[in-house]
Amino acid sequence: MSTANFIQDFGTHYKQVNADWISGILPIVSEKFGADQQLEIELTMVSPRIAFGTAAGNNVELTAEIDIAIKKAGEYNNIFYDNINFKAAMDTEINMEVWYANVKEMEFTFGNGSYIRKQPLYNDMDMTET
């Protein structure tokens, strides 16, 4: 795995969608701005770490923080921002030039501390806890 591939796969990714596309997880966006509102979603993997042969007995552990930002297309201010911690533990092997991975654990938790929160770090939509 080269540095260029690592940056391409784990860097910042942008996706343009309309509000209806994310209405299943954030219905308030289409309610407030309309289902046809064009949005830009930015996903950034921050400080990805890969550890081999960990003390927990896993061949490979991947950890990272993922920043999620949503803004209206063409605007600079976010309407939603949050971050989550990602952890995956797996056993891997290469057999006849094919890489196999047996994922043993995959976990997503709230970022910015170990406390449990019911709101994103920032939102401009008057979200409630329910």
C-alpha atoms as a PDB file:
ATOM      1  CA  MET A   1       0.000   0.000   0.000  1.00  0.00           C
ATOM      2  CA  SER A   2       1.598   3.246  -1.126  1.00  0.00           C
ATOM      3  CA  THR A   3       1.168   6.639   0.503  1.00  0.00           C
ATOM      4  CA  ALA A   4      -0.697   7.900  -2.589  1.00  0.00           C
ATOM      5  CA  ASN A   5      -3.213   5.036  -2.373  1.00  0.00           C
ATOM      6  CA  PHE A   6      -3.596   5.548   1.367  1.00  0.00           C
ATOM      7  CA  ILE A   7      -4.389   9.251   0.883  1.00  0.00           C
ATOM      8  CA  GLN A   8      -6.788   8.489  -1.982  1.00  0.00           C
ATOM      9  CA  ASP A   9      -8.677   5.838  -0.007  1.00  0.00           C
ATOM     10  CA  PHE A  10      -8.579   7.446   3.443  1.00  0.00           C
ATOM     11  CA  GLY A  11      -8.478  11.178   2.701  1.00  0.00           C
ATOM     12  CA  THR A  12     -11.352  13.633   2.351  1.00  0.00           C
ATOM     13  CA  HIS A  13     -14.259  12.645   0.129  1.00  0.00           C
ATOM     14  CA  TYR A  14     -17.049  14.880  -1.190  1.00  0.00           C
ATOM     15  CA  LYS A  15     -20.438  13.786  -2.449  1.00  0.00           C
ATOM     16  CA  GLN A  16     -23.228  15.949  -3.842  1.00  0.00           C
ATOM     17  CA  VAL A  17     -26.725  14.688  -3.063  1.00  0.00           C
ATOM     18  CA  ASN A  18     -30.165  16.124  -2.527  1.00  0.00           C
ATOM     19  CA  ALA A  19     -31.806  16.284   0.894  1.00  0.00           C
ATOM     20  CA  ASP A  20     -34.142  13.400   0.037  1.00  0.00           C
ATOM     21  CA  TRP A  21     -31.090  11.095  -0.275  1.00  0.00           C
ATOM     22  CA  ILE A  22     -30.288  11.443   3.441  1.00  0.00           C
ATOM     23  CA  SER A  23     -33.880  11.739   4.689  1.00  0.00           C
ATOM     24  CA  GLY A  24     -33.720   8.253   6.229  1.00  0.00           C
ATOM     25  CA  ILE A  25     -31.044   9.282   8.736  1.00  0.00           C
ATOM     26  CA  LEU A  26     -31.613  13.067   8.922  1.00  0.00           C
ATOM     27  CA  PRO A  27     -35.246  13.758   8.000  1.00  0.00           C
ATOM     28  CA  ILE A  28     -35.018  17.281   9.453  1.00  0.00           C
ATOM     29  CA  VAL A  29     -32.837  18.391   6.517  1.00  0.00           C
ATOM     30  CA  SER A  30     -35.530  17.765   3.901  1.00  0.00           C
ATOM     31  CA  GLU A  31     -38.220  19.070   6.268  1.00  0.00           C
ATOM     32  CA  LYS A  32     -36.405  22.365   6.773  1.00  0.00           C
ATOM     33  CA  PHE A  33     -34.874  22.944   3.332  1.00  0.00           C
ATOM     34  CA  GLY A  34     -37.025  20.800   1.015  1.00  0.00           C
ATOM     35  CA  ALA A  35     -36.350  17.382  -0.508  1.00  0.00           C
ATOM     36  CA  ASP A  36     -34.782  18.903  -3.664  1.00  0.00           C
ATOM     37  CA  GLN A  37     -32.196  20.982  -1.767  1.00  0.00           C
ATOM     38  CA  GLN A  38     -28.735  20.156  -3.141  1.00  0.00           C
ATOM     39  CA  LEU A  39     -26.229  19.297  -0.411  1.00  0.00           C
ATOM     40  CA  GLU A  40     -22.515  18.671  -0.191  1.00  0.00           C
ATOM     41  CA  ILE A  41     -21.385  15.942   2.206  1.00  0.00           C
ATOM     42  CA  GLU A  42     -17.751  15.936   3.254  1.00  0.00           C
ATOM     43  CA  LEU A  43     -16.229  12.887   4.966  1.00  0.00           C
ATOM     44  CA  THR A  44     -12.699  13.211   6.324  1.00  0.00           C
ATOM     45  CA  MET A  45     -10.759  10.406   7.960  1.00  0.00           C
ATOM     46  CA  VAL A  46      -8.524  12.009  10.592  1.00  0.00           C
ATOM     47  CA  SER A  47      -5.446  10.313  12.046  1.00  0.00           C
ATOM     48  CA  PRO A  48      -5.983   6.810  10.664  1.00  0.00           C
ATOM     49  CA  ARG A  49      -3.821   4.263  12.448  1.00  0.00           C
ATOM     50  CA  ILE A  50      -3.038   0.704  11.417  1.00  0.00           C
ATOM     51  CA  ALA A  51      -1.477  -1.601  14.006  1.00  0.00           C
ATOM     52  CA  PHE A  52      -0.152  -5.055  13.185  1.00  0.00           C
ATOM     53  CA  GLY A  53       0.119  -7.904  15.692  1.00  0.00           C
ATOM     54  CA  THR A  54      -1.645  -6.152  18.548  1.00  0.00           C
ATOM     55  CA  ALA A  55      -1.616  -7.261  22.185  1.00  0.00           C
ATOM     56  CA  ALA A  56      -5.319  -8.134  21.863  1.00  0.00           C
ATOM     57  CA  GLY A  57      -4.337 -10.953  19.493  1.00  0.00           C
ATOM     58  CA  ASN A  58      -5.621  -9.377  16.274  1.00  0.00           C
ATOM     59  CA  ASN A  59      -3.469  -9.410  13.155  1.00  0.00           C
ATOM     60  CA  VAL A  60      -4.576  -5.897  12.208  1.00  0.00           C
ATOM     61  CA  GLU A  61      -6.406  -3.048  13.965  1.00  0.00           C
ATOM     62  CA  LEU A  62      -7.560   0.079  12.155  1.00  0.00           C
ATOM     63  CA  THR A  63      -8.637   3.141  14.129  1.00  0.00           C
ATOM     64  CA  ALA A  64      -9.600   6.596  12.903  1.00  0.00           C
ATOM     65  CA  GLU A  65     -11.794   9.579  13.602  1.00  0.00           C
ATOM     66  CA  ILE A  66     -14.281  10.421  10.849  1.00  0.00           C
ATOM     67  CA  ASP A  67     -15.474  14.022  10.476  1.00  0.00           C
ATOM     68  CA  ILE A  68     -18.858  14.480   8.790  1.00  0.00           C
ATOM     69  CA  ALA A  69     -19.891  17.883   7.453  1.00  0.00           C
ATOM     70  CA  ILE A  70     -23.032  18.749   5.492  1.00  0.00           C
ATOM     71  CA  LYS A  71     -23.684  22.089   3.831  1.00  0.00           C
ATOM     72  CA  LYS A  72     -26.005  23.446   1.191  1.00  0.00           C
ATOM     73  CA  ALA A  73     -24.425  23.243  -2.269  1.00  0.00           C
ATOM     74  CA  GLY A  74     -22.428  26.339  -3.109  1.00  0.00           C
ATOM     75  CA  GLU A  75     -22.370  27.655   0.464  1.00  0.00           C
ATOM     76  CA  TYR A  76     -19.479  27.747   2.904  1.00  0.00           C
ATOM     77  CA  ASN A  77     -21.263  27.273   6.233  1.00  0.00           C
ATOM     78  CA  ASN A  78     -22.083  23.826   7.526  1.00  0.00           C
ATOM     79  CA  ILE A  79     -25.645  23.004   8.512  1.00  0.00           C
ATOM     80  CA  PHE A  80     -24.437  19.826  10.269  1.00  0.00           C
ATOM     81  CA  TYR A  81     -21.074  18.730  11.674  1.00  0.00           C
ATOM     82  CA  ASP A  82     -20.165  15.740  13.783  1.00  0.00           C
ATOM     83  CA  ASN A  83     -17.360  13.274  14.264  1.00  0.00           C
ATOM     84  CA  ILE A  84     -17.276   9.631  15.163  1.00  0.00           C
ATOM     85  CA  ASN A  85     -14.547   7.221  16.180  1.00  0.00           C
ATOM     86  CA  PHE A  86     -14.083   4.109  14.079  1.00  0.00           C
ATOM     87  CA  LYS A  87     -12.324   0.905  15.129  1.00  0.00           C
ATOM     88  CA  ALA A  88     -11.987  -2.367  13.247  1.00  0.00           C
ATOM     89  CA  ALA A  89     -10.093  -5.483  14.320  1.00  0.00           C
ATOM     90  CA  MET A  90      -9.401  -8.286  11.900  1.00  0.00           C
ATOM     91  CA  ASP A  91      -7.280 -11.276  11.046  1.00  0.00           C
ATOM     92  CA  THR A  92      -5.807 -11.181   7.568  1.00  0.00           C
ATOM     93  CA  GLU A  93      -3.918 -13.447   5.227  1.00  0.00           C
ATOM     94  CA  ILE A  94      -2.677 -13.418   1.663  1.00  0.00           C
ATOM     95  CA  ASN A  95      -3.268 -16.622  -0.280  1.00  0.00           C
ATOM     96  CA  MET A  96      -2.321 -16.951  -3.957  1.00  0.00           C
ATOM     97  CA  GLU A  97      -2.048 -13.154  -4.342  1.00  0.00           C
ATOM     98  CA  VAL A  98      -5.518 -12.556  -2.857  1.00  0.00           C
ATOM     99  CA  TRP A  99      -5.870 -10.646   0.421  1.00  0.00           C
ATOM    100  CA  TYR A 100      -8.483 -12.072   2.798  1.00  0.00           C
ATOM    101  CA  ALA A 101      -9.726 -10.365   5.957  1.00  0.00           C
ATOM    102  CA  ASN A 102     -11.888 -11.833   8.707  1.00  0.00           C
ATOM    103  CA  VAL A 103     -13.388  -8.812  10.482  1.00  0.00           C
ATOM    104  CA  LYS A 104     -13.757  -9.704  14.165  1.00  0.00           C
ATOM    105  CA  GLU A 105     -14.975  -6.360  15.470  1.00  0.00           C
ATOM    106  CA  MET A 106     -16.207  -3.085  13.979  1.00  0.00           C
ATOM    107  CA  GLU A 107     -17.243  -0.237  16.242  1.00  0.00           C
ATOM    108  CA  PHE A 108     -18.482   3.316  15.757  1.00  0.00           C
ATOM    109  CA  THR A 109     -18.655   5.622  18.800  1.00  0.00           C
ATOM    110  CA  PHE A 110     -19.141   9.339  19.355  1.00  0.00           C
ATOM    111  CA  GLY A 111     -15.996  11.406  18.914  1.00  0.00           C
ATOM    112  CA  ASN A 112     -14.645  14.206  21.107  1.00  0.00           C
ATOM    113  CA  GLY A 113     -14.512  12.295  24.355  1.00  0.00           C
ATOM    114  CA  SER A 114     -16.059   9.184  25.781  1.00  0.00           C
ATOM    115  CA  TYR A 115     -19.294  10.788  26.934  1.00  0.00           C
ATOM    116  CA  ILE A 116     -22.601   9.894  25.342  1.00  0.00           C
ATOM    117  CA  ARG A 117     -24.326  12.768  23.598  1.00  0.00           C
ATOM    118  CA  LYS A 118     -27.634  12.949  21.793  1.00  0.00           C
ATOM    119  CA  GLN A 119     -26.848  15.884  19.502  1.00  0.00           C
ATOM    120  CA  PRO A 120     -24.239  16.411  16.795  1.00  0.00           C
ATOM    121  CA  LEU A 121     -21.383  18.756  17.649  1.00  0.00           C
ATOM    122  CA  TYR A 122     -22.977  21.451  15.474  1.00  0.00           C
ATOM    123  CA  ASN A 123     -26.273  21.804  13.650  1.00  0.00           C
ATOM    124  CA  ASP A 124     -28.107  24.766  12.193  1.00  0.00           C
ATOM    125  CA  MET A 125     -31.506  23.058  12.117  1.00  0.00           C
ATOM    126  CA  ASP A 126     -32.871  23.232  15.687  1.00  0.00           C
ATOM    127  CA  MET A 127     -32.504  19.478  16.156  1.00  0.00           C
ATOM    128  CA  THR A 128     -33.940  17.970  19.325  1.00  0.00           C
ATOM    129  CA  GLU A 129     -32.803  14.897  21.256  1.00  0.00           C
ATOM    130  CA  THR A 130     -35.645  12.713  19.963  1.00  0.00           C
END
